Amino acid sequence: MSTCDDIFSTWATERSSIKQDTLKTVDVFAKDLQDALKARNLTDIVDIVFVSDHGMADTSHPEWVYIDDYLGEQGVNLIEHEDGWLSMGLRFSPEANTTAYLNILLEAAKNNSEKFDVYTHDTMPERYHFSHNPRIAPIYIIPKYGYALTTRARGELGMIKGVSPLSQLMTVPST
């Protein structure tokens, strides 16, 4: 199934027939698999589960949120390591006043609630399934749909993937 990811990453900003053909191929594969299980009388003992590591949506024209606008150049320069992308997990260097930068980011999120949220290990929503783990950065900035995080040095990076499964783009309307 990596073909889907490759195709959608390559053709992210296009509404192309290649994307539609790829989706049809996946649909046919899923139906053929179900038919094969049914033909072998295995449908009562075999479950099929399709999983994904992220959502994919055409977000090729996001509104960019420059973290430097909140942390300043000095604050950005004190980031020792950044985890993730589309989200930003921030690990500040030991000489940084991490609490002060967290407070700046929390205030920025409060004043820009339509753009992004800021979480710590203690405030991370359970739906993200990560917190209280040393591998997870102590501060996480998560953009809302239609927005993307970057810095002035990094600039605008192009296609975004990693859409939250709770985004309305990733939900199927009930019938």
N, C-alpha and C. Protein backbone atom coordinates (compact mmCIF):
# COMPACT_ATOMS: atom_id res chain seq x y z
N MET A 1 0.80 -1.20 0.00
CA MET A 1 0.00 0.00 0.00
C MET A 1 0.84 1.26 0.00
N SER A 2 2.17 1.13 0.04
CA SER A 2 2.99 2.33 0.04
C SER A 2 2.80 3.11 -1.26
N THR A 3 2.30 2.44 -2.29
CA THR A 3 2.04 3.13 -3.55
C THR A 3 1.12 4.31 -3.35
N CYS A 4 0.09 4.13 -2.52
CA CYS A 4 -0.84 5.24 -2.25
C CYS A 4 -0.09 6.44 -1.70
N ASP A 5 0.75 6.21 -0.71
CA ASP A 5 1.49 7.31 -0.11
C ASP A 5 2.40 7.96 -1.14
N ASP A 6 3.09 7.14 -1.93
CA ASP A 6 3.98 7.68 -2.95
C ASP A 6 3.21 8.52 -3.97
N ILE A 7 2.10 7.99 -4.45
CA ILE A 7 1.30 8.69 -5.46
C ILE A 7 0.75 9.99 -4.89
N PHE A 8 0.18 9.93 -3.69
CA PHE A 8 -0.43 11.12 -3.13
C PHE A 8 0.61 12.15 -2.74
N SER A 9 1.80 11.73 -2.32
CA SER A 9 2.86 12.68 -2.02
C SER A 9 3.35 13.35 -3.29
N THR A 10 3.50 12.58 -4.35
CA THR A 10 3.99 13.11 -5.61
C THR A 10 2.97 14.03 -6.27
N TRP A 11 1.70 13.66 -6.20
CA TRP A 11 0.65 14.39 -6.91
C TRP A 11 -0.25 15.15 -5.93
N ALA A 12 0.32 15.62 -4.84
CA ALA A 12 -0.48 16.19 -3.75
C ALA A 12 -1.35 17.37 -4.18
N THR A 13 -0.84 18.21 -5.03
CA THR A 13 -1.60 19.41 -5.37
C THR A 13 -2.42 19.23 -6.64
N GLU A 14 -2.40 18.07 -7.19
CA GLU A 14 -3.12 17.79 -8.43
C GLU A 14 -4.42 17.04 -8.14
N ARG A 15 -5.44 17.35 -8.88
CA ARG A 15 -6.65 16.52 -8.86
C ARG A 15 -6.54 15.66 -10.11
N SER A 16 -5.74 14.63 -10.00
CA SER A 16 -5.37 13.87 -11.19
C SER A 16 -6.04 12.51 -11.26
N SER A 17 -6.09 12.00 -12.48
CA SER A 17 -6.65 10.67 -12.68
C SER A 17 -5.75 9.60 -12.04
N ILE A 18 -4.46 9.87 -11.91
CA ILE A 18 -3.56 8.87 -11.31
C ILE A 18 -3.95 8.63 -9.84
N LYS A 19 -4.37 9.69 -9.13
CA LYS A 19 -4.82 9.50 -7.75
C LYS A 19 -6.10 8.68 -7.72
N GLN A 20 -7.03 8.98 -8.61
CA GLN A 20 -8.28 8.23 -8.67
C GLN A 20 -8.03 6.77 -9.04
N ASP A 21 -7.13 6.55 -9.99
CA ASP A 21 -6.80 5.17 -10.39
C ASP A 21 -6.16 4.40 -9.23
N THR A 22 -5.32 5.07 -8.47
CA THR A 22 -4.69 4.42 -7.32
C THR A 22 -5.73 4.02 -6.29
N LEU A 23 -6.67 4.91 -6.01
CA LEU A 23 -7.74 4.58 -5.06
C LEU A 23 -8.60 3.43 -5.57
N LYS A 24 -8.89 3.41 -6.86
CA LYS A 24 -9.66 2.30 -7.44
C LYS A 24 -8.90 0.98 -7.28
N THR A 25 -7.59 1.01 -7.47
CA THR A 25 -6.76 -0.19 -7.31
C THR A 25 -6.86 -0.72 -5.88
N VAL A 26 -6.80 0.18 -4.93
CA VAL A 26 -6.92 -0.23 -3.52
C VAL A 26 -8.31 -0.80 -3.26
N ASP A 27 -9.35 -0.16 -3.79
CA ASP A 27 -10.71 -0.66 -3.62
C ASP A 27 -10.88 -2.06 -4.20
N VAL A 28 -10.33 -2.27 -5.39
CA VAL A 28 -10.42 -3.59 -6.03
C VAL A 28 -9.67 -4.63 -5.20
N PHE A 29 -8.48 -4.26 -4.70
CA PHE A 29 -7.71 -5.16 -3.86
C PHE A 29 -8.52 -5.57 -2.62
N ALA A 30 -9.14 -4.59 -1.96
CA ALA A 30 -9.93 -4.87 -0.76
C ALA A 30 -11.10 -5.80 -1.08
N LYS A 31 -11.78 -5.55 -2.20
CA LYS A 31 -12.91 -6.40 -2.59
C LYS A 31 -12.43 -7.81 -2.94
N ASP A 32 -11.33 -7.92 -3.69
CA ASP A 32 -10.79 -9.23 -4.04
C ASP A 32 -10.40 -10.02 -2.79
N LEU A 33 -9.82 -9.34 -1.83
CA LEU A 33 -9.44 -9.99 -0.59
C LEU A 33 -10.68 -10.51 0.15
N GLN A 34 -11.70 -9.69 0.24
CA GLN A 34 -12.95 -10.10 0.89
C GLN A 34 -13.58 -11.28 0.15
N ASP A 35 -13.61 -11.22 -1.19
CA ASP A 35 -14.17 -12.31 -1.99
C ASP A 35 -13.40 -13.61 -1.78
N ALA A 36 -12.07 -13.51 -1.69
CA ALA A 36 -11.25 -14.71 -1.48
C ALA A 36 -11.53 -15.33 -0.12
N LEU A 37 -11.72 -14.52 0.89
CA LEU A 37 -12.06 -15.06 2.21
C LEU A 37 -13.43 -15.71 2.20
N LYS A 38 -14.37 -15.06 1.53
CA LYS A 38 -15.73 -15.60 1.44
C LYS A 38 -15.72 -16.94 0.71
N ALA A 39 -14.96 -17.04 -0.40
CA ALA A 39 -14.89 -18.28 -1.19
C ALA A 39 -14.30 -19.43 -0.36
N ARG A 40 -13.48 -19.11 0.61
CA ARG A 40 -12.86 -20.14 1.46
C ARG A 40 -13.60 -20.32 2.78
N ASN A 41 -14.77 -19.67 2.89
CA ASN A 41 -15.60 -19.76 4.10
C ASN A 41 -14.82 -19.32 5.34
N LEU A 42 -14.08 -18.24 5.21
CA LEU A 42 -13.24 -17.75 6.31
C LEU A 42 -13.74 -16.43 6.91
N THR A 43 -14.86 -15.94 6.42
CA THR A 43 -15.29 -14.61 6.87
C THR A 43 -15.69 -14.56 8.34
N ASP A 44 -16.02 -15.70 8.94
CA ASP A 44 -16.38 -15.70 10.35
C ASP A 44 -15.18 -15.80 11.28
N ILE A 45 -14.02 -16.13 10.74
CA ILE A 45 -12.86 -16.30 11.61
C ILE A 45 -11.68 -15.38 11.25
N VAL A 46 -11.80 -14.63 10.17
CA VAL A 46 -10.73 -13.73 9.75
C VAL A 46 -11.29 -12.31 9.65
N ASP A 47 -10.61 -11.40 10.32
CA ASP A 47 -10.95 -9.99 10.21
C ASP A 47 -9.89 -9.30 9.36
N ILE A 48 -10.32 -8.34 8.58
CA ILE A 48 -9.39 -7.53 7.79
C ILE A 48 -9.40 -6.14 8.39
N VAL A 49 -8.20 -5.64 8.66
CA VAL A 49 -8.08 -4.30 9.21
C VAL A 49 -7.07 -3.54 8.35
N PHE A 50 -7.49 -2.42 7.80
CA PHE A 50 -6.59 -1.55 7.06
C PHE A 50 -6.20 -0.41 8.01
N VAL A 51 -4.92 -0.15 8.08
CA VAL A 51 -4.43 0.91 8.97
C VAL A 51 -3.59 1.89 8.16
N SER A 52 -3.41 3.04 8.73
CA SER A 52 -2.61 4.07 8.10
C SER A 52 -1.78 4.77 9.16
N ASP A 53 -0.62 5.24 8.78
CA ASP A 53 0.19 5.97 9.74
C ASP A 53 -0.20 7.44 9.83
N HIS A 54 -0.99 7.91 8.88
CA HIS A 54 -1.46 9.29 8.90
C HIS A 54 -2.55 9.46 7.88
N GLY A 55 -3.26 10.55 8.03
CA GLY A 55 -4.26 10.91 7.02
C GLY A 55 -3.58 11.66 5.89
N MET A 56 -4.27 11.82 4.80
CA MET A 56 -3.71 12.54 3.67
C MET A 56 -4.82 13.42 3.11
N ALA A 57 -4.52 14.66 2.96
CA ALA A 57 -5.51 15.58 2.43
C ALA A 57 -4.79 16.66 1.64
N ASP A 58 -5.50 17.25 0.72
CA ASP A 58 -4.91 18.33 -0.07
C ASP A 58 -4.86 19.57 0.80
N THR A 59 -3.73 19.80 1.41
CA THR A 59 -3.53 21.00 2.22
C THR A 59 -2.32 21.73 1.66
N SER A 60 -2.26 21.81 0.36
CA SER A 60 -1.08 22.37 -0.29
C SER A 60 -1.02 23.89 -0.22
N HIS A 61 -2.06 24.52 0.29
CA HIS A 61 -2.04 25.97 0.40
C HIS A 61 -2.42 26.39 1.82
N PRO A 62 -1.64 25.94 2.81
CA PRO A 62 -1.98 26.28 4.18
C PRO A 62 -1.62 27.73 4.50
N GLU A 63 -2.16 28.21 5.58
CA GLU A 63 -1.69 29.48 6.12
C GLU A 63 -0.53 29.13 7.05
N TRP A 64 0.61 29.71 6.79
CA TRP A 64 1.81 29.37 7.54
C TRP A 64 1.86 30.11 8.86
N VAL A 65 2.18 29.41 9.91
CA VAL A 65 2.37 29.98 11.24
C VAL A 65 3.86 29.93 11.53
N TYR A 66 4.47 31.10 11.66
CA TYR A 66 5.90 31.19 11.92
C TYR A 66 6.12 31.24 13.42
N ILE A 67 6.71 30.20 13.95
CA ILE A 67 6.92 30.09 15.39
C ILE A 67 7.83 31.20 15.89
N ASP A 68 8.71 31.70 15.04
CA ASP A 68 9.59 32.81 15.41
C ASP A 68 8.79 34.05 15.83
N ASP A 69 7.59 34.21 15.24
CA ASP A 69 6.77 35.36 15.58
C ASP A 69 6.36 35.35 17.05
N TYR A 70 6.41 34.21 17.68
CA TYR A 70 6.04 34.08 19.09
C TYR A 70 7.27 33.92 19.98
N LEU A 71 8.20 33.08 19.56
CA LEU A 71 9.37 32.80 20.38
C LEU A 71 10.51 33.79 20.15
N GLY A 72 10.47 34.50 19.04
CA GLY A 72 11.58 35.35 18.67
C GLY A 72 12.74 34.53 18.14
N GLU A 73 13.67 35.20 17.52
CA GLU A 73 14.83 34.51 16.95
C GLU A 73 15.63 33.80 18.04
N GLN A 74 15.78 34.46 19.20
CA GLN A 74 16.54 33.85 20.29
C GLN A 74 15.86 32.57 20.77
N GLY A 75 14.55 32.59 20.91
CA GLY A 75 13.82 31.40 21.36
C GLY A 75 13.96 30.25 20.38
N VAL A 76 13.83 30.55 19.10
CA VAL A 76 13.98 29.51 18.07
C VAL A 76 15.40 28.95 18.11
N ASN A 77 16.38 29.82 18.30
CA ASN A 77 17.77 29.36 18.35
C ASN A 77 18.06 28.50 19.57
N LEU A 78 17.22 28.61 20.60
CA LEU A 78 17.42 27.81 21.81
C LEU A 78 16.72 26.45 21.73
N ILE A 79 16.03 26.19 20.62
CA ILE A 79 15.44 24.87 20.43
C ILE A 79 16.56 23.91 20.07
N GLU A 80 16.78 22.95 20.95
CA GLU A 80 17.86 21.98 20.76
C GLU A 80 17.46 20.89 19.76
N HIS A 81 16.18 20.50 19.84
CA HIS A 81 15.70 19.45 18.94
C HIS A 81 14.21 19.64 18.71
N GLU A 82 13.80 19.38 17.49
CA GLU A 82 12.39 19.49 17.12
C GLU A 82 11.91 18.13 16.62
N ASP A 83 10.87 17.61 17.26
CA ASP A 83 10.29 16.32 16.87
C ASP A 83 9.10 16.56 15.95
N GLY A 84 8.90 15.62 15.05
CA GLY A 84 7.67 15.58 14.28
C GLY A 84 7.58 16.65 13.21
N TRP A 85 6.66 16.41 12.34
CA TRP A 85 6.24 17.38 11.36
C TRP A 85 4.98 16.82 10.76
N LEU A 86 4.05 17.34 10.81
CA LEU A 86 3.41 18.61 10.79
C LEU A 86 3.31 19.28 12.14
N SER A 87 3.34 18.55 13.21
CA SER A 87 3.39 19.12 14.54
C SER A 87 4.83 19.48 14.88
N MET A 88 5.00 20.25 15.94
CA MET A 88 6.35 20.58 16.42
C MET A 88 6.47 20.17 17.87
N GLY A 89 7.29 19.16 18.12
CA GLY A 89 7.64 18.80 19.49
C GLY A 89 8.93 19.51 19.81
N LEU A 90 8.91 20.36 20.83
CA LEU A 90 10.06 21.22 21.11
C LEU A 90 10.82 20.77 22.35
N ARG A 91 12.14 20.67 22.17
CA ARG A 91 13.06 20.41 23.27
C ARG A 91 14.04 21.57 23.28
N PHE A 92 13.93 22.38 24.31
CA PHE A 92 14.83 23.53 24.41
C PHE A 92 16.15 23.12 25.04
N SER A 93 17.19 23.85 24.75
CA SER A 93 18.51 23.58 25.33
C SER A 93 18.47 23.87 26.83
N PRO A 94 19.39 23.28 27.58
CA PRO A 94 19.38 23.44 29.05
C PRO A 94 19.46 24.90 29.51
N GLU A 95 20.12 25.77 28.76
CA GLU A 95 20.24 27.17 29.19
C GLU A 95 18.98 27.99 28.93
N ALA A 96 18.00 27.42 28.20
CA ALA A 96 16.75 28.14 27.91
C ALA A 96 15.82 28.13 29.12
N ASN A 97 15.05 29.18 29.26
CA ASN A 97 14.00 29.22 30.28
C ASN A 97 12.76 28.59 29.65
N THR A 98 12.69 27.27 29.71
CA THR A 98 11.63 26.51 29.04
C THR A 98 10.25 26.93 29.54
N THR A 99 10.13 27.18 30.82
CA THR A 99 8.83 27.60 31.39
C THR A 99 8.38 28.91 30.76
N ALA A 100 9.29 29.84 30.60
CA ALA A 100 8.93 31.14 30.00
C ALA A 100 8.49 30.94 28.55
N TYR A 101 9.20 30.11 27.81
CA TYR A 101 8.82 29.87 26.41
C TYR A 101 7.49 29.11 26.32
N LEU A 102 7.27 28.17 27.24
CA LEU A 102 5.98 27.47 27.27
C LEU A 102 4.86 28.48 27.51
N ASN A 103 5.04 29.38 28.46
CA ASN A 103 4.01 30.38 28.74
C ASN A 103 3.75 31.29 27.55
N ILE A 104 4.80 31.64 26.82
CA ILE A 104 4.63 32.45 25.61
C ILE A 104 3.79 31.68 24.59
N LEU A 105 4.12 30.40 24.41
CA LEU A 105 3.38 29.59 23.43
C LEU A 105 1.93 29.35 23.86
N LEU A 106 1.71 29.13 25.15
CA LEU A 106 0.34 28.96 25.64
C LEU A 106 -0.49 30.22 25.41
N GLU A 107 0.08 31.36 25.66
CA GLU A 107 -0.62 32.63 25.42
C GLU A 107 -0.88 32.83 23.93
N ALA A 108 0.10 32.47 23.10
CA ALA A 108 -0.08 32.59 21.64
C ALA A 108 -1.19 31.67 21.17
N ALA A 109 -1.25 30.45 21.71
CA ALA A 109 -2.31 29.51 21.33
C ALA A 109 -3.67 30.04 21.77
N LYS A 110 -3.72 30.64 22.94
CA LYS A 110 -4.97 31.21 23.45
C LYS A 110 -5.45 32.35 22.53
N ASN A 111 -4.52 33.16 22.07
CA ASN A 111 -4.86 34.29 21.20
C ASN A 111 -5.03 33.91 19.73
N ASN A 112 -4.66 32.69 19.38
CA ASN A 112 -4.76 32.20 18.00
C ASN A 112 -5.38 30.81 18.00
N SER A 113 -6.46 30.64 18.72
CA SER A 113 -7.03 29.30 18.93
C SER A 113 -7.50 28.64 17.65
N GLU A 114 -7.72 29.41 16.61
CA GLU A 114 -8.11 28.82 15.32
C GLU A 114 -6.91 28.26 14.56
N LYS A 115 -5.69 28.58 15.01
CA LYS A 115 -4.49 28.19 14.28
C LYS A 115 -3.75 26.98 14.86
N PHE A 116 -3.61 26.93 16.18
CA PHE A 116 -2.83 25.84 16.77
C PHE A 116 -3.13 25.69 18.26
N ASP A 117 -2.75 24.51 18.78
CA ASP A 117 -2.84 24.22 20.20
C ASP A 117 -1.44 23.91 20.71
N VAL A 118 -1.23 24.11 22.00
CA VAL A 118 0.05 23.80 22.65
C VAL A 118 -0.23 22.87 23.82
N TYR A 119 0.54 21.79 23.89
CA TYR A 119 0.35 20.79 24.94
C TYR A 119 1.68 20.45 25.61
N THR A 120 1.58 19.95 26.83
CA THR A 120 2.71 19.37 27.55
C THR A 120 2.35 17.91 27.84
N HIS A 121 3.26 17.20 28.47
CA HIS A 121 2.95 15.81 28.84
C HIS A 121 1.68 15.74 29.68
N ASP A 122 1.49 16.71 30.55
CA ASP A 122 0.34 16.69 31.46
C ASP A 122 -0.97 17.10 30.79
N THR A 123 -0.89 17.84 29.68
CA THR A 123 -2.13 18.35 29.06
C THR A 123 -2.45 17.71 27.71
N MET A 124 -1.57 16.84 27.24
CA MET A 124 -1.77 16.19 25.94
C MET A 124 -3.07 15.37 25.96
N PRO A 125 -3.99 15.61 25.00
CA PRO A 125 -5.23 14.83 24.97
C PRO A 125 -4.95 13.34 24.77
N GLU A 126 -5.73 12.53 25.42
CA GLU A 126 -5.57 11.08 25.37
C GLU A 126 -5.66 10.55 23.93
N ARG A 127 -6.44 11.22 23.08
CA ARG A 127 -6.63 10.74 21.71
C ARG A 127 -5.34 10.69 20.90
N TYR A 128 -4.31 11.43 21.33
CA TYR A 128 -3.03 11.39 20.62
C TYR A 128 -2.18 10.21 21.05
N HIS A 129 -2.56 9.53 22.09
CA HIS A 129 -1.89 8.30 22.54
C HIS A 129 -0.40 8.46 22.81
N PHE A 130 -0.01 9.66 23.18
CA PHE A 130 1.35 9.78 23.67
C PHE A 130 1.46 10.93 24.65
N SER A 131 2.07 10.60 25.72
CA SER A 131 2.40 11.55 26.77
C SER A 131 3.23 10.77 27.78
N HIS A 132 3.74 11.44 28.77
CA HIS A 132 4.48 10.80 29.86
C HIS A 132 5.48 9.74 29.37
N ASN A 133 6.14 10.05 28.30
CA ASN A 133 7.17 9.17 27.77
C ASN A 133 8.37 10.05 27.45
N PRO A 134 9.55 9.68 27.90
CA PRO A 134 10.73 10.53 27.67
C PRO A 134 11.05 10.74 26.18
N ARG A 135 10.52 9.86 25.33
CA ARG A 135 10.76 10.02 23.89
C ARG A 135 9.90 11.14 23.29
N ILE A 136 8.87 11.56 24.02
CA ILE A 136 7.98 12.60 23.54
C ILE A 136 8.47 13.95 24.06
N ALA A 137 8.57 14.91 23.16
CA ALA A 137 9.05 16.24 23.54
C ALA A 137 8.17 16.84 24.64
N PRO A 138 8.74 17.64 25.52
CA PRO A 138 7.96 18.19 26.64
C PRO A 138 6.93 19.25 26.22
N ILE A 139 7.12 19.87 25.06
CA ILE A 139 6.17 20.85 24.55
C ILE A 139 5.81 20.45 23.13
N TYR A 140 4.52 20.37 22.84
CA TYR A 140 4.06 20.01 21.50
C TYR A 140 3.11 21.08 20.97
N ILE A 141 3.39 21.55 19.78
CA ILE A 141 2.50 22.50 19.10
C ILE A 141 1.83 21.72 17.98
N ILE A 142 0.51 21.74 17.94
CA ILE A 142 -0.24 20.99 16.93
C ILE A 142 -1.12 21.97 16.15
N PRO A 143 -0.86 22.11 14.84
CA PRO A 143 -1.65 23.06 14.06
C PRO A 143 -3.06 22.54 13.80
N LYS A 144 -3.96 23.46 13.60
CA LYS A 144 -5.34 23.12 13.22
C LYS A 144 -5.38 22.98 11.70
N TYR A 145 -6.45 22.36 11.21
CA TYR A 145 -6.58 22.17 9.77
C TYR A 145 -6.52 23.52 9.05
N GLY A 146 -5.75 23.54 7.96
CA GLY A 146 -5.59 24.76 7.17
C GLY A 146 -4.37 25.57 7.54
N TYR A 147 -3.67 25.14 8.59
CA TYR A 147 -2.48 25.85 9.06
C TYR A 147 -1.30 24.90 9.08
N ALA A 148 -0.11 25.46 8.96
CA ALA A 148 1.12 24.66 9.02
C ALA A 148 2.16 25.45 9.79
N LEU A 149 2.98 24.74 10.55
CA LEU A 149 4.01 25.35 11.38
C LEU A 149 5.34 25.37 10.65
N THR A 150 6.07 26.46 10.85
CA THR A 150 7.40 26.56 10.27
C THR A 150 8.16 27.64 11.02
N THR A 151 9.38 27.86 10.58
CA THR A 151 10.19 28.98 11.08
C THR A 151 10.60 29.82 9.88
N ARG A 152 11.04 31.03 10.15
CA ARG A 152 11.50 31.90 9.05
C ARG A 152 12.66 31.24 8.30
N ALA A 153 13.56 30.60 9.02
CA ALA A 153 14.72 29.96 8.38
C ALA A 153 14.29 28.80 7.49
N ARG A 154 13.30 28.03 7.93
CA ARG A 154 12.86 26.86 7.17
C ARG A 154 12.00 27.28 5.98
N GLY A 155 11.15 28.25 6.17
CA GLY A 155 10.28 28.71 5.09
C GLY A 155 9.09 27.80 4.88
N GLU A 156 8.45 27.99 3.75
CA GLU A 156 7.25 27.22 3.41
C GLU A 156 7.68 25.95 2.69
N LEU A 157 7.29 24.83 3.25
CA LEU A 157 7.85 23.55 2.83
C LEU A 157 7.07 22.81 1.76
N GLY A 158 5.86 23.20 1.47
CA GLY A 158 5.10 22.46 0.47
C GLY A 158 4.01 21.62 1.07
N MET A 159 3.80 20.42 0.53
CA MET A 159 2.67 19.59 0.92
C MET A 159 2.73 19.16 2.38
N ILE A 160 1.56 19.12 2.97
CA ILE A 160 1.42 18.71 4.36
C ILE A 160 0.75 17.34 4.39
N LYS A 161 1.26 16.42 5.16
CA LYS A 161 0.54 15.18 5.42
C LYS A 161 0.60 14.93 6.91
N GLY A 162 -0.28 14.10 7.36
CA GLY A 162 -0.35 13.88 8.79
C GLY A 162 -1.60 14.50 9.37
N VAL A 163 -2.66 14.54 8.61
CA VAL A 163 -3.91 15.13 9.04
C VAL A 163 -4.47 14.33 10.20
N SER A 164 -4.94 15.04 11.21
CA SER A 164 -5.52 14.38 12.38
C SER A 164 -6.71 13.53 11.96
N PRO A 165 -6.83 12.32 12.51
CA PRO A 165 -8.00 11.50 12.18
C PRO A 165 -9.31 12.11 12.66
N LEU A 166 -9.22 13.12 13.53
CA LEU A 166 -10.43 13.79 14.00
C LEU A 166 -10.83 14.94 13.10
N SER A 167 -9.98 15.29 12.14
CA SER A 167 -10.34 16.37 11.21
C SER A 167 -11.56 15.95 10.40
N GLN A 168 -12.39 16.93 10.05
CA GLN A 168 -13.57 16.59 9.26
C GLN A 168 -13.18 16.03 7.90
N LEU A 169 -11.95 16.27 7.46
CA LEU A 169 -11.49 15.66 6.21
C LEU A 169 -11.37 14.16 6.32
N MET A 170 -11.17 13.68 7.54
CA MET A 170 -10.91 12.26 7.74
C MET A 170 -12.12 11.50 8.27
N THR A 171 -13.26 12.14 8.38
CA THR A 171 -14.44 11.47 8.88
C THR A 171 -15.41 11.20 7.75
N VAL A 172 -16.11 10.12 7.86
CA VAL A 172 -17.09 9.74 6.84
C VAL A 172 -18.47 10.14 7.36
N PRO A 173 -19.21 10.92 6.59
CA PRO A 173 -20.54 11.30 7.07
C PRO A 173 -21.43 10.06 7.25
N SER A 174 -22.21 10.07 8.32
CA SER A 174 -23.11 8.93 8.54
C SER A 174 -24.27 9.01 7.57
N THR A 175 -24.76 7.84 7.17
CA THR A 175 -25.85 7.81 6.19
C THR A 175 -27.14 7.38 6.84
